[in-house]
Amino acid sequence: MNIAVTGSFSYSGKYITRRLLARGEHVATLTNHPNRPDPFGGRVAAHPLNFADASSLTSSLRGMDALVNTYWVRFDKDANTQPRAVENTKRLMDAAVAAGVKRIIHISIANPSAESHLPYYWGKAANEKTVTDSGLSYAILRPTVLFGAEDILINNIAWLLRRFPFFALPGDGSYGIQPVFVDDLAALAVDAIYEKNNSVRDAVGPDIFTFREMVKMIGEKIGALRPLVNVPPRLALTAAQFLSLFVGDVMLTPEEVDGLMSNLLVSKEPPLCKTRLGDWLKENRSTAGAKYASELARHF
């Protein structure tokens, strides 16, 4: 098959592409970073993800049997805003229809809602509607928070634990989180390409922690157990914004704190993924949090 993946040189798209190549499929990527190091040795053709040029998008997708869409923006920066990402996703789906793509695999988020006050969640809901209204065969996968060798949240919690004498928890830390291994998500995405039915499924791991429990476990597994201090959410956010100045990144946003404390990172469905965060941390204890993972360096 000929399969297009957005962001093959980035994070989740890289894992999806790796699995597709292992199956012998032909993969092309639409990317904003064509000059980024190619982890696939030239086996993946790279095309620009140019939302302003409908003909270019359509041409890049012509002849593709399926499109796996991982595109989104974590936070607003300059013209790259979440409302703009909703518009861009519509342009991408229009191009897929015009190009004759047969099936869409769309990576969304758990608990999207058109009524949410958070742009991340209403934007994801809007994107899902764009996919379902496209008339194409589709599978929508809804992960919570990803972990893996290049993740942002879990890695940077470990990074903070390695470097500071205590960890500040927003609020009481009792809100839930259900992380999912990025390669488990990739396996679901690849399998969904070969299915025929339309589906919308949560893609989540087997463990549900309170945030406090998860941070404590990360510290234990990497050998950096620290006191966990409850602080007002606004103070935790201010501290993260202060640290962001030193790492040259956006470590945490108000919307992410709100979503986390609203238990939006927990699924109501049975878990489809099997890898446990604790097992992964045990295997990767020397590398988890060894380096800071920058969102800005990855995407901007």
C-alpha atoms as a PDB file:
ATOM      1  CA  MET A   1       0.000   0.000   0.000  1.00  0.00           C
ATOM      2  CA  ASN A   2       0.933   3.643  -0.383  1.00  0.00           C
ATOM      3  CA  ILE A   3       0.450   5.421   2.931  1.00  0.00           C
ATOM      4  CA  ALA A   4       0.991   9.056   3.890  1.00  0.00           C
ATOM      5  CA  VAL A   5       1.859   9.979   7.470  1.00  0.00           C
ATOM      6  CA  THR A   6       2.026  13.514   8.778  1.00  0.00           C
ATOM      7  CA  GLY A   7       5.127  14.054  10.903  1.00  0.00           C
ATOM      8  CA  SER A   8       7.154  10.913  10.185  1.00  0.00           C
ATOM      9  CA  PHE A   9      10.275  12.740  11.353  1.00  0.00           C
ATOM     10  CA  SER A  10       8.662  13.892  14.604  1.00  0.00           C
ATOM     11  CA  TYR A  11       7.257  11.803  17.491  1.00  0.00           C
ATOM     12  CA  SER A  12       4.198   9.559  17.180  1.00  0.00           C
ATOM     13  CA  GLY A  13       4.446   9.700  13.385  1.00  0.00           C
ATOM     14  CA  LYS A  14       7.959   8.259  13.603  1.00  0.00           C
ATOM     15  CA  TYR A  15       6.741   5.186  15.488  1.00  0.00           C
ATOM     16  CA  ILE A  16       3.837   4.705  13.079  1.00  0.00           C
ATOM     17  CA  THR A  17       6.146   5.001  10.076  1.00  0.00           C
ATOM     18  CA  ARG A  18       8.621   2.533  11.559  1.00  0.00           C
ATOM     19  CA  ARG A  19       5.887  -0.082  11.907  1.00  0.00           C
ATOM     20  CA  LEU A  20       4.591   0.534   8.381  1.00  0.00           C
ATOM     21  CA  LEU A  21       8.046   0.126   6.869  1.00  0.00           C
ATOM     22  CA  ALA A  22       8.494  -3.104   8.832  1.00  0.00           C
ATOM     23  CA  ARG A  23       5.354  -4.369   7.094  1.00  0.00           C
ATOM     24  CA  GLY A  24       6.829  -3.513   3.704  1.00  0.00           C
ATOM     25  CA  GLU A  25       4.507  -0.619   2.952  1.00  0.00           C
ATOM     26  CA  HIS A  26       5.462   2.431   0.911  1.00  0.00           C
ATOM     27  CA  VAL A  27       5.399   5.527   3.120  1.00  0.00           C
ATOM     28  CA  ALA A  28       5.510   9.232   2.316  1.00  0.00           C
ATOM     29  CA  THR A  29       5.403  11.983   4.893  1.00  0.00           C
ATOM     30  CA  LEU A  30       3.951  15.464   4.901  1.00  0.00           C
ATOM     31  CA  THR A  31       6.182  17.525   7.137  1.00  0.00           C
ATOM     32  CA  ASN A  32       6.934  21.088   8.183  1.00  0.00           C
ATOM     33  CA  HIS A  33      10.550  20.019   8.755  1.00  0.00           C
ATOM     34  CA  PRO A  34      11.859  18.470   5.516  1.00  0.00           C
ATOM     35  CA  ASN A  35      15.455  19.177   6.543  1.00  0.00           C
ATOM     36  CA  ARG A  36      15.192  17.380   9.866  1.00  0.00           C
ATOM     37  CA  PRO A  37      17.438  14.273  10.149  1.00  0.00           C
ATOM     38  CA  ASP A  38      15.817  11.332   8.380  1.00  0.00           C
ATOM     39  CA  PRO A  39      15.676   8.306  10.713  1.00  0.00           C
ATOM     40  CA  PHE A  40      14.632   6.038   7.841  1.00  0.00           C
ATOM     41  CA  GLY A  41      17.624   6.310   5.530  1.00  0.00           C
ATOM     42  CA  GLY A  42      15.761   7.821   2.597  1.00  0.00           C
ATOM     43  CA  ARG A  43      13.005   5.204   2.525  1.00  0.00           C
ATOM     44  CA  VAL A  44      10.323   7.834   3.219  1.00  0.00           C
ATOM     45  CA  ALA A  45       9.577  10.485   0.605  1.00  0.00           C
ATOM     46  CA  ALA A  46       9.122  13.898   2.238  1.00  0.00           C
ATOM     47  CA  HIS A  47       6.596  16.456   0.984  1.00  0.00           C
ATOM     48  CA  PRO A  48       5.846  19.904   2.436  1.00  0.00           C
ATOM     49  CA  LEU A  49       2.859  20.177   4.753  1.00  0.00           C
ATOM     50  CA  ASN A  50       1.827  23.447   3.121  1.00  0.00           C
ATOM     51  CA  PHE A  51      -1.713  24.209   4.227  1.00  0.00           C
ATOM     52  CA  ALA A  52      -1.780  27.441   2.222  1.00  0.00           C
ATOM     53  CA  ASP A  53      -1.364  25.540  -1.065  1.00  0.00           C
ATOM     54  CA  ALA A  54      -4.306  23.224  -1.673  1.00  0.00           C
ATOM     55  CA  SER A  55      -2.912  21.954  -4.964  1.00  0.00           C
ATOM     56  CA  SER A  56       0.396  21.015  -3.321  1.00  0.00           C
ATOM     57  CA  LEU A  57      -1.389  19.122  -0.537  1.00  0.00           C
ATOM     58  CA  THR A  58      -3.575  17.300  -3.032  1.00  0.00           C
ATOM     59  CA  SER A  59      -0.628  16.423  -5.249  1.00  0.00           C
ATOM     60  CA  SER A  60       1.305  15.032  -2.270  1.00  0.00           C
ATOM     61  CA  LEU A  61      -1.608  12.781  -1.352  1.00  0.00           C
ATOM     62  CA  ARG A  62      -2.530  11.594  -4.846  1.00  0.00           C
ATOM     63  CA  GLY A  63      -2.082   7.840  -5.176  1.00  0.00           C
ATOM     64  CA  MET A  64      -2.182   7.263  -1.417  1.00  0.00           C
ATOM     65  CA  ASP A  65      -4.392   4.487  -0.105  1.00  0.00           C
ATOM     66  CA  ALA A  66      -4.466   5.895   3.429  1.00  0.00           C
ATOM     67  CA  LEU A  67      -3.490   8.977   5.406  1.00  0.00           C
ATOM     68  CA  VAL A  68      -2.419   8.792   9.044  1.00  0.00           C
ATOM     69  CA  ASN A  69      -2.855  12.261  10.518  1.00  0.00           C
ATOM     70  CA  THR A  70      -0.919  13.168  13.673  1.00  0.00           C
ATOM     71  CA  TYR A  71      -0.931  16.932  13.028  1.00  0.00           C
ATOM     72  CA  TRP A  72      -1.791  19.305  15.878  1.00  0.00           C
ATOM     73  CA  VAL A  73      -0.166  22.075  17.914  1.00  0.00           C
ATOM     74  CA  ARG A  74       0.253  21.762  21.674  1.00  0.00           C
ATOM     75  CA  PHE A  75       0.047  25.492  22.357  1.00  0.00           C
ATOM     76  CA  ASP A  76      -0.339  28.746  20.445  1.00  0.00           C
ATOM     77  CA  LYS A  77       2.821  30.378  19.136  1.00  0.00           C
ATOM     78  CA  ASP A  78       2.771  33.218  16.624  1.00  0.00           C
ATOM     79  CA  ALA A  79       0.545  32.123  13.712  1.00  0.00           C
ATOM     80  CA  ASN A  80       0.577  28.486  14.849  1.00  0.00           C
ATOM     81  CA  THR A  81      -2.552  28.508  16.966  1.00  0.00           C
ATOM     82  CA  GLN A  82      -4.988  25.787  17.879  1.00  0.00           C
ATOM     83  CA  PRO A  83      -7.891  27.484  16.034  1.00  0.00           C
ATOM     84  CA  ARG A  84      -5.614  27.719  13.005  1.00  0.00           C
ATOM     85  CA  ALA A  85      -4.799  24.016  13.410  1.00  0.00           C
ATOM     86  CA  VAL A  86      -8.532  23.287  13.145  1.00  0.00           C
ATOM     87  CA  GLU A  87      -8.658  25.208   9.854  1.00  0.00           C
ATOM     88  CA  ASN A  88      -5.523  23.441   8.629  1.00  0.00           C
ATOM     89  CA  THR A  89      -6.978  20.027   9.409  1.00  0.00           C
ATOM     90  CA  LYS A  90     -10.013  20.910   7.301  1.00  0.00           C
ATOM     91  CA  ARG A  91      -7.703  21.824   4.424  1.00  0.00           C
ATOM     92  CA  LEU A  92      -5.841  18.540   4.830  1.00  0.00           C
ATOM     93  CA  MET A  93      -9.051  16.500   4.779  1.00  0.00           C
ATOM     94  CA  ASP A  94     -10.297  18.394   1.708  1.00  0.00           C
ATOM     95  CA  ALA A  95      -7.015  17.580  -0.018  1.00  0.00           C
ATOM     96  CA  ALA A  96      -7.339  13.905   0.942  1.00  0.00           C
ATOM     97  CA  VAL A  97     -10.815  13.767  -0.577  1.00  0.00           C
ATOM     98  CA  ALA A  98      -9.648  15.540  -3.743  1.00  0.00           C
ATOM     99  CA  ALA A  99      -6.659  13.189  -4.044  1.00  0.00           C
ATOM    100  CA  GLY A 100      -8.796  10.056  -3.770  1.00  0.00           C
ATOM    101  CA  VAL A 101      -7.394   8.805  -0.448  1.00  0.00           C
ATOM    102  CA  LYS A 102      -9.483   5.853   0.672  1.00  0.00           C
ATOM    103  CA  ARG A 103      -9.027   5.818   4.473  1.00  0.00           C
ATOM    104  CA  ILE A 104      -8.087   8.251   7.235  1.00  0.00           C
ATOM    105  CA  ILE A 105      -6.477   7.301  10.537  1.00  0.00           C
ATOM    106  CA  HIS A 106      -6.754  10.369  12.743  1.00  0.00           C
ATOM    107  CA  ILE A 107      -4.973  10.831  16.077  1.00  0.00           C
ATOM    108  CA  SER A 108      -7.184  12.862  18.420  1.00  0.00           C
ATOM    109  CA  ILE A 109      -7.291  13.127  22.238  1.00  0.00           C
ATOM    110  CA  ALA A 110      -9.325  11.446  24.974  1.00  0.00           C
ATOM    111  CA  ASN A 111     -12.418  13.364  26.084  1.00  0.00           C
ATOM    112  CA  PRO A 112     -12.711  15.927  23.280  1.00  0.00           C
ATOM    113  CA  SER A 113     -15.757  18.167  23.566  1.00  0.00           C
ATOM    114  CA  ALA A 114     -17.250  20.857  21.371  1.00  0.00           C
ATOM    115  CA  GLU A 115     -18.538  22.455  24.594  1.00  0.00           C
ATOM    116  CA  SER A 116     -15.127  22.595  26.290  1.00  0.00           C
ATOM    117  CA  HIS A 117     -13.720  26.000  27.218  1.00  0.00           C
ATOM    118  CA  LEU A 118     -10.241  24.653  26.431  1.00  0.00           C
ATOM    119  CA  PRO A 119      -9.127  25.204  22.807  1.00  0.00           C
ATOM    120  CA  TYR A 120      -7.173  21.946  22.895  1.00  0.00           C
ATOM    121  CA  TYR A 121     -10.329  19.924  23.567  1.00  0.00           C
ATOM    122  CA  TRP A 122     -12.883  21.797  21.478  1.00  0.00           C
ATOM    123  CA  GLY A 123     -10.309  21.940  18.681  1.00  0.00           C
ATOM    124  CA  LYS A 124      -9.834  18.191  18.791  1.00  0.00           C
ATOM    125  CA  ALA A 125     -13.625  17.726  18.729  1.00  0.00           C
ATOM    126  CA  ALA A 126     -13.853  20.004  15.689  1.00  0.00           C
ATOM    127  CA  ASN A 127     -11.150  17.997  13.930  1.00  0.00           C
ATOM    128  CA  GLU A 128     -12.989  14.746  14.601  1.00  0.00           C
ATOM    129  CA  LYS A 129     -16.122  16.219  13.019  1.00  0.00           C
ATOM    130  CA  THR A 130     -14.086  17.233   9.988  1.00  0.00           C
ATOM    131  CA  VAL A 131     -12.914  13.634   9.622  1.00  0.00           C
ATOM    132  CA  THR A 132     -16.324  12.045  10.122  1.00  0.00           C
ATOM    133  CA  ASP A 133     -17.974  14.537   7.756  1.00  0.00           C
ATOM    134  CA  SER A 134     -15.379  13.957   5.028  1.00  0.00           C
ATOM    135  CA  GLY A 135     -17.195  10.953   3.586  1.00  0.00           C
ATOM    136  CA  LEU A 136     -14.006   8.877   3.766  1.00  0.00           C
ATOM    137  CA  SER A 137     -13.555   5.649   5.674  1.00  0.00           C
ATOM    138  CA  TYR A 138     -11.966   6.504   9.007  1.00  0.00           C
ATOM    139  CA  ALA A 139     -10.627   5.359  12.342  1.00  0.00           C
ATOM    140  CA  ILE A 140     -10.163   7.923  15.108  1.00  0.00           C
ATOM    141  CA  LEU A 141      -7.838   7.095  17.989  1.00  0.00           C
ATOM    142  CA  ARG A 142      -7.988   9.068  21.231  1.00  0.00           C
ATOM    143  CA  PRO A 143      -4.823   8.803  23.340  1.00  0.00           C
ATOM    144  CA  THR A 144      -4.402  10.510  26.710  1.00  0.00           C
ATOM    145  CA  VAL A 145      -0.764  11.418  27.369  1.00  0.00           C
ATOM    146  CA  LEU A 146       2.024   9.586  25.570  1.00  0.00           C
ATOM    147  CA  PHE A 147       5.199   8.222  27.079  1.00  0.00           C
ATOM    148  CA  GLY A 148       8.262   6.867  25.332  1.00  0.00           C
ATOM    149  CA  ALA A 149      11.858   7.683  24.562  1.00  0.00           C
ATOM    150  CA  GLU A 150      11.067  11.162  23.216  1.00  0.00           C
ATOM    151  CA  ASP A 151       7.961  12.179  25.137  1.00  0.00           C
ATOM    152  CA  ILE A 152       7.513  15.594  26.723  1.00  0.00           C
ATOM    153  CA  LEU A 153       5.499  15.289  29.975  1.00  0.00           C
ATOM    154  CA  ILE A 154       6.847  12.090  31.554  1.00  0.00           C
ATOM    155  CA  ASN A 155      10.419  12.808  30.471  1.00  0.00           C
ATOM    156  CA  ASN A 156      10.376  16.337  31.833  1.00  0.00           C
ATOM    157  CA  ILE A 157       8.869  15.273  35.145  1.00  0.00           C
ATOM    158  CA  ALA A 158      11.817  12.863  35.432  1.00  0.00           C
ATOM    159  CA  TRP A 159      14.178  15.678  34.403  1.00  0.00           C
ATOM    160  CA  LEU A 160      12.850  17.907  37.187  1.00  0.00           C
ATOM    161  CA  LEU A 161      13.085  15.119  39.740  1.00  0.00           C
ATOM    162  CA  ARG A 162      16.714  14.509  38.825  1.00  0.00           C
ATOM    163  CA  ARG A 163      17.651  18.167  39.290  1.00  0.00           C
ATOM    164  CA  PHE A 164      15.565  19.667  42.087  1.00  0.00           C
ATOM    165  CA  PRO A 165      15.230  18.790  45.789  1.00  0.00           C
ATOM    166  CA  PHE A 166      11.425  18.641  45.685  1.00  0.00           C
ATOM    167  CA  PHE A 167       8.561  18.512  43.167  1.00  0.00           C
ATOM    168  CA  ALA A 168       5.650  20.981  43.250  1.00  0.00           C
ATOM    169  CA  LEU A 169       2.269  19.348  42.609  1.00  0.00           C
ATOM    170  CA  PRO A 170      -0.506  21.630  41.330  1.00  0.00           C
ATOM    171  CA  GLY A 171      -3.247  21.334  43.944  1.00  0.00           C
ATOM    172  CA  ASP A 172      -3.516  18.121  45.937  1.00  0.00           C
ATOM    173  CA  GLY A 173      -2.362  15.825  43.113  1.00  0.00           C
ATOM    174  CA  SER A 174      -5.443  13.598  43.427  1.00  0.00           C
ATOM    175  CA  TYR A 175      -6.611  14.044  39.816  1.00  0.00           C
ATOM    176  CA  GLY A 176      -6.115  11.113  37.476  1.00  0.00           C
ATOM    177  CA  ILE A 177      -3.796  10.359  34.587  1.00  0.00           C
ATOM    178  CA  GLN A 178      -3.686   7.286  32.330  1.00  0.00           C
ATOM    179  CA  PRO A 179      -0.527   7.313  30.191  1.00  0.00           C
ATOM    180  CA  VAL A 180      -0.124   5.289  27.008  1.00  0.00           C
ATOM    181  CA  PHE A 181       3.072   4.004  25.404  1.00  0.00           C
ATOM    182  CA  VAL A 182       3.668   5.716  22.065  1.00  0.00           C
ATOM    183  CA  ASP A 183       4.512   2.465  20.265  1.00  0.00           C
ATOM    184  CA  ASP A 184       1.275   0.886  21.513  1.00  0.00           C
ATOM    185  CA  LEU A 185      -0.584   3.818  19.926  1.00  0.00           C
ATOM    186  CA  ALA A 186       1.428   3.282  16.746  1.00  0.00           C
ATOM    187  CA  ALA A 187       0.417  -0.387  16.651  1.00  0.00           C
ATOM    188  CA  LEU A 188      -3.270   0.546  16.944  1.00  0.00           C
ATOM    189  CA  ALA A 189      -2.915   3.166  14.219  1.00  0.00           C
ATOM    190  CA  VAL A 190      -1.236   0.760  11.809  1.00  0.00           C
ATOM    191  CA  ASP A 191      -3.749  -2.020  12.446  1.00  0.00           C
ATOM    192  CA  ALA A 192      -6.593   0.449  11.848  1.00  0.00           C
ATOM    193  CA  ILE A 193      -5.357   1.100   8.310  1.00  0.00           C
ATOM    194  CA  TYR A 194      -6.356  -2.418   7.278  1.00  0.00           C
ATOM    195  CA  GLU A 195      -9.794  -2.329   8.899  1.00  0.00           C
ATOM    196  CA  LYS A 196     -12.891  -1.494   6.873  1.00  0.00           C
ATOM    197  CA  ASN A 197     -15.315  -0.132   9.434  1.00  0.00           C
ATOM    198  CA  ASN A 198     -15.496   3.394  10.806  1.00  0.00           C
ATOM    199  CA  SER A 199     -14.470   3.598  14.459  1.00  0.00           C
ATOM    200  CA  VAL A 200     -13.735   5.989  17.302  1.00  0.00           C
ATOM    201  CA  ARG A 201     -11.714   4.452  20.159  1.00  0.00           C
ATOM    202  CA  ASP A 202      -9.735   5.590  23.154  1.00  0.00           C
ATOM    203  CA  ALA A 203      -6.085   4.529  22.989  1.00  0.00           C
ATOM    204  CA  VAL A 204      -4.979   4.303  26.597  1.00  0.00           C
ATOM    205  CA  GLY A 205      -2.698   2.259  28.800  1.00  0.00           C
ATOM    206  CA  PRO A 206      -3.598  -0.213  31.564  1.00  0.00           C
ATOM    207  CA  ASP A 207      -2.729   1.998  34.564  1.00  0.00           C
ATOM    208  CA  ILE A 208      -4.692   4.848  36.077  1.00  0.00           C
ATOM    209  CA  PHE A 209      -2.708   6.855  38.626  1.00  0.00           C
ATOM    210  CA  THR A 210      -3.361   9.937  40.608  1.00  0.00           C
ATOM    211  CA  PHE A 211      -0.873  12.544  39.483  1.00  0.00           C
ATOM    212  CA  ARG A 212       0.807  12.297  42.887  1.00  0.00           C
ATOM    213  CA  GLU A 213       1.141   8.511  42.531  1.00  0.00           C
ATOM    214  CA  MET A 214       2.624   8.828  39.059  1.00  0.00           C
ATOM    215  CA  VAL A 215       5.231  11.433  40.024  1.00  0.00           C
ATOM    216  CA  LYS A 216       6.222   9.367  43.062  1.00  0.00           C
ATOM    217  CA  MET A 217       6.583   6.237  40.921  1.00  0.00           C
ATOM    218  CA  ILE A 218       8.701   8.065  38.341  1.00  0.00           C
ATOM    219  CA  GLY A 219      11.034   9.183  41.122  1.00  0.00           C
ATOM    220  CA  GLU A 220      11.266   5.674  42.536  1.00  0.00           C
ATOM    221  CA  LYS A 221      11.947   4.034  39.176  1.00  0.00           C
ATOM    222  CA  ILE A 222      14.707   6.430  38.124  1.00  0.00           C
ATOM    223  CA  GLY A 223      16.299   6.632  41.568  1.00  0.00           C
ATOM    224  CA  ALA A 224      15.348  10.257  42.214  1.00  0.00           C
ATOM    225  CA  LEU A 225      12.643  10.059  44.881  1.00  0.00           C
ATOM    226  CA  ARG A 226      11.836  13.585  46.067  1.00  0.00           C
ATOM    227  CA  PRO A 227       9.374  15.171  48.523  1.00  0.00           C
ATOM    228  CA  LEU A 228       6.116  16.083  46.770  1.00  0.00           C
ATOM    229  CA  VAL A 229       4.840  19.492  47.829  1.00  0.00           C
ATOM    230  CA  ASN A 230       1.261  20.616  47.233  1.00  0.00           C
ATOM    231  CA  VAL A 231       1.097  24.187  45.944  1.00  0.00           C
ATOM    232  CA  PRO A 232      -1.731  26.295  44.493  1.00  0.00           C
ATOM    233  CA  PRO A 233      -2.097  25.576  40.761  1.00  0.00           C
ATOM    234  CA  ARG A 234      -1.309  29.181  39.864  1.00  0.00           C
ATOM    235  CA  LEU A 235       1.954  29.014  41.815  1.00  0.00           C
ATOM    236  CA  ALA A 236       2.946  25.737  40.136  1.00  0.00           C
ATOM    237  CA  LEU A 237       2.234  27.298  36.754  1.00  0.00           C
ATOM    238  CA  THR A 238       4.264  30.398  37.616  1.00  0.00           C
ATOM    239  CA  ALA A 239       7.191  28.215  38.665  1.00  0.00           C
ATOM    240  CA  ALA A 240       6.967  26.278  35.397  1.00  0.00           C
ATOM    241  CA  GLN A 241       6.878  29.518  33.408  1.00  0.00           C
ATOM    242  CA  PHE A 242       9.940  30.770  35.290  1.00  0.00           C
ATOM    243  CA  LEU A 243      11.849  27.569  34.532  1.00  0.00           C
ATOM    244  CA  SER A 244      10.734  27.833  30.910  1.00  0.00           C
ATOM    245  CA  LEU A 245      12.881  30.950  30.569  1.00  0.00           C
ATOM    246  CA  PHE A 246      15.991  28.929  31.383  1.00  0.00           C
ATOM    247  CA  VAL A 247      15.236  25.941  29.137  1.00  0.00           C
ATOM    248  CA  GLY A 248      13.952  28.089  26.252  1.00  0.00           C
ATOM    249  CA  ASP A 249      10.647  26.267  26.023  1.00  0.00           C
ATOM    250  CA  VAL A 250       7.029  26.279  27.166  1.00  0.00           C
ATOM    251  CA  MET A 251       7.129  23.771  29.990  1.00  0.00           C
ATOM    252  CA  LEU A 252       3.458  23.937  30.980  1.00  0.00           C
ATOM    253  CA  THR A 253       0.394  25.930  29.912  1.00  0.00           C
ATOM    254  CA  PRO A 254      -2.666  27.049  31.928  1.00  0.00           C
ATOM    255  CA  GLU A 255      -4.874  24.934  29.668  1.00  0.00           C
ATOM    256  CA  GLU A 256      -2.796  21.828  30.378  1.00  0.00           C
ATOM    257  CA  VAL A 257      -3.080  22.363  34.126  1.00  0.00           C
ATOM    258  CA  ASP A 258      -6.837  22.839  33.757  1.00  0.00           C
ATOM    259  CA  GLY A 259      -7.253  19.713  31.636  1.00  0.00           C
ATOM    260  CA  LEU A 260      -5.119  17.613  33.969  1.00  0.00           C
ATOM    261  CA  MET A 261      -6.940  18.733  37.112  1.00  0.00           C
ATOM    262  CA  SER A 262     -10.307  18.143  35.386  1.00  0.00           C
ATOM    263  CA  ASN A 263      -9.452  14.438  34.960  1.00  0.00           C
ATOM    264  CA  LEU A 264      -9.474  14.730  31.173  1.00  0.00           C
ATOM    265  CA  LEU A 265      -6.400  12.483  30.907  1.00  0.00           C
ATOM    266  CA  VAL A 266      -8.357   9.427  32.038  1.00  0.00           C
ATOM    267  CA  SER A 267     -10.518   7.262  29.768  1.00  0.00           C
ATOM    268  CA  LYS A 268     -13.907   5.760  30.544  1.00  0.00           C
ATOM    269  CA  GLU A 269     -13.222   2.857  28.163  1.00  0.00           C
ATOM    270  CA  PRO A 270     -11.333  -0.408  28.762  1.00  0.00           C
ATOM    271  CA  PRO A 271      -7.626  -0.016  27.902  1.00  0.00           C
ATOM    272  CA  LEU A 272      -6.539  -1.185  24.459  1.00  0.00           C
ATOM    273  CA  CYS A 273      -2.808  -0.851  25.175  1.00  0.00           C
ATOM    274  CA  LYS A 274      -0.739  -3.107  27.401  1.00  0.00           C
ATOM    275  CA  THR A 275       2.599  -1.448  28.217  1.00  0.00           C
ATOM    276  CA  ARG A 276       2.855  -0.250  31.813  1.00  0.00           C
ATOM    277  CA  LEU A 277       4.626   2.989  32.568  1.00  0.00           C
ATOM    278  CA  GLY A 278       6.412   1.436  35.550  1.00  0.00           C
ATOM    279  CA  ASP A 279       7.849  -1.369  33.423  1.00  0.00           C
ATOM    280  CA  TRP A 280       9.031   1.081  30.770  1.00  0.00           C
ATOM    281  CA  LEU A 281      10.650   3.335  33.376  1.00  0.00           C
ATOM    282  CA  LYS A 282      12.459   0.365  34.900  1.00  0.00           C
ATOM    283  CA  GLU A 283      13.918  -0.535  31.509  1.00  0.00           C
ATOM    284  CA  ASN A 284      14.819   3.081  30.727  1.00  0.00           C
ATOM    285  CA  ARG A 285      15.787   4.374  34.166  1.00  0.00           C
ATOM    286  CA  SER A 286      19.158   5.703  33.017  1.00  0.00           C
ATOM    287  CA  THR A 287      17.772   7.721  30.105  1.00  0.00           C
ATOM    288  CA  ALA A 288      14.336   8.909  31.282  1.00  0.00           C
ATOM    289  CA  GLY A 289      14.780  12.562  32.181  1.00  0.00           C
ATOM    290  CA  ALA A 290      18.507  12.568  31.414  1.00  0.00           C
ATOM    291  CA  LYS A 291      17.922  15.417  28.955  1.00  0.00           C
ATOM    292  CA  TYR A 292      15.203  18.041  28.799  1.00  0.00           C
ATOM    293  CA  ALA A 293      12.711  17.468  25.947  1.00  0.00           C
ATOM    294  CA  SER A 294      11.849  20.764  24.252  1.00  0.00           C
ATOM    295  CA  GLU A 295       8.540  21.232  22.455  1.00  0.00           C
ATOM    296  CA  LEU A 296       9.821  24.359  20.708  1.00  0.00           C
ATOM    297  CA  ALA A 297      12.939  22.592  19.443  1.00  0.00           C
ATOM    298  CA  ARG A 298      10.792  19.761  18.099  1.00  0.00           C
ATOM    299  CA  HIS A 299       8.179  21.791  16.252  1.00  0.00           C
ATOM    300  CA  PHE A 300       9.423  25.356  15.715  1.00  0.00           C
END
